[in-house]
Amino acid sequence: MNPQIGNGATLFFEDLGPRDRAPVILIHGHPFNHSMWSPQTAALTTAGYRVITPDLRGYGKSPVLPGKTPLAGFADDPAALLDRLDVEQAVVGGVSTGGRTAIELRWRHRPRERCRRPARAGRAARLRPGARGAAGRGALPDRGTDGR
């Protein structure tokens, strides 16, 4: 599905599993798309969870917006998607760039997260302000790890 999510972005996503169960949103890393989560999606839906896996803007089936996308934009997109799906809270997971996006989502949209204690992100949590992603897109990070 490719809905307009209200902040100028259009995101492709899959929404699988029972709608009345605890939702989990999984955010992919660079340079992947939602399909990297296929094994986890299968296991979680089999266990009865609702699993939402978006393609971040410019990845997979989600179109690129003009200009640079700051980390805040990547974090606001999943929150806007949850709004569109009428999901108040979700367990948020991510890996690599998706892990950093999940951390930023937590900073910007704290009440949206169902789980308040993120797993240790290793080196992803220690990115320097102004560091660039592997593609040199300049998208990460636009704020320091202290939230400013």
Foldseek 3Di string as FASTA:
>chain_A
DWDDLPPRWTKDKDKDFDPPAAEEEEEEAPPAAQCVCVVVCVVQRVVGYIYMGIGFDPHDPIHHDPDAAALLNSLVVVVSVCVVVVQQAHAYHYAHSSNLSSLSNCLVPVRRYPDNDDDDHPCSLQDAAQDADPVRRSHPHPDHSVSD
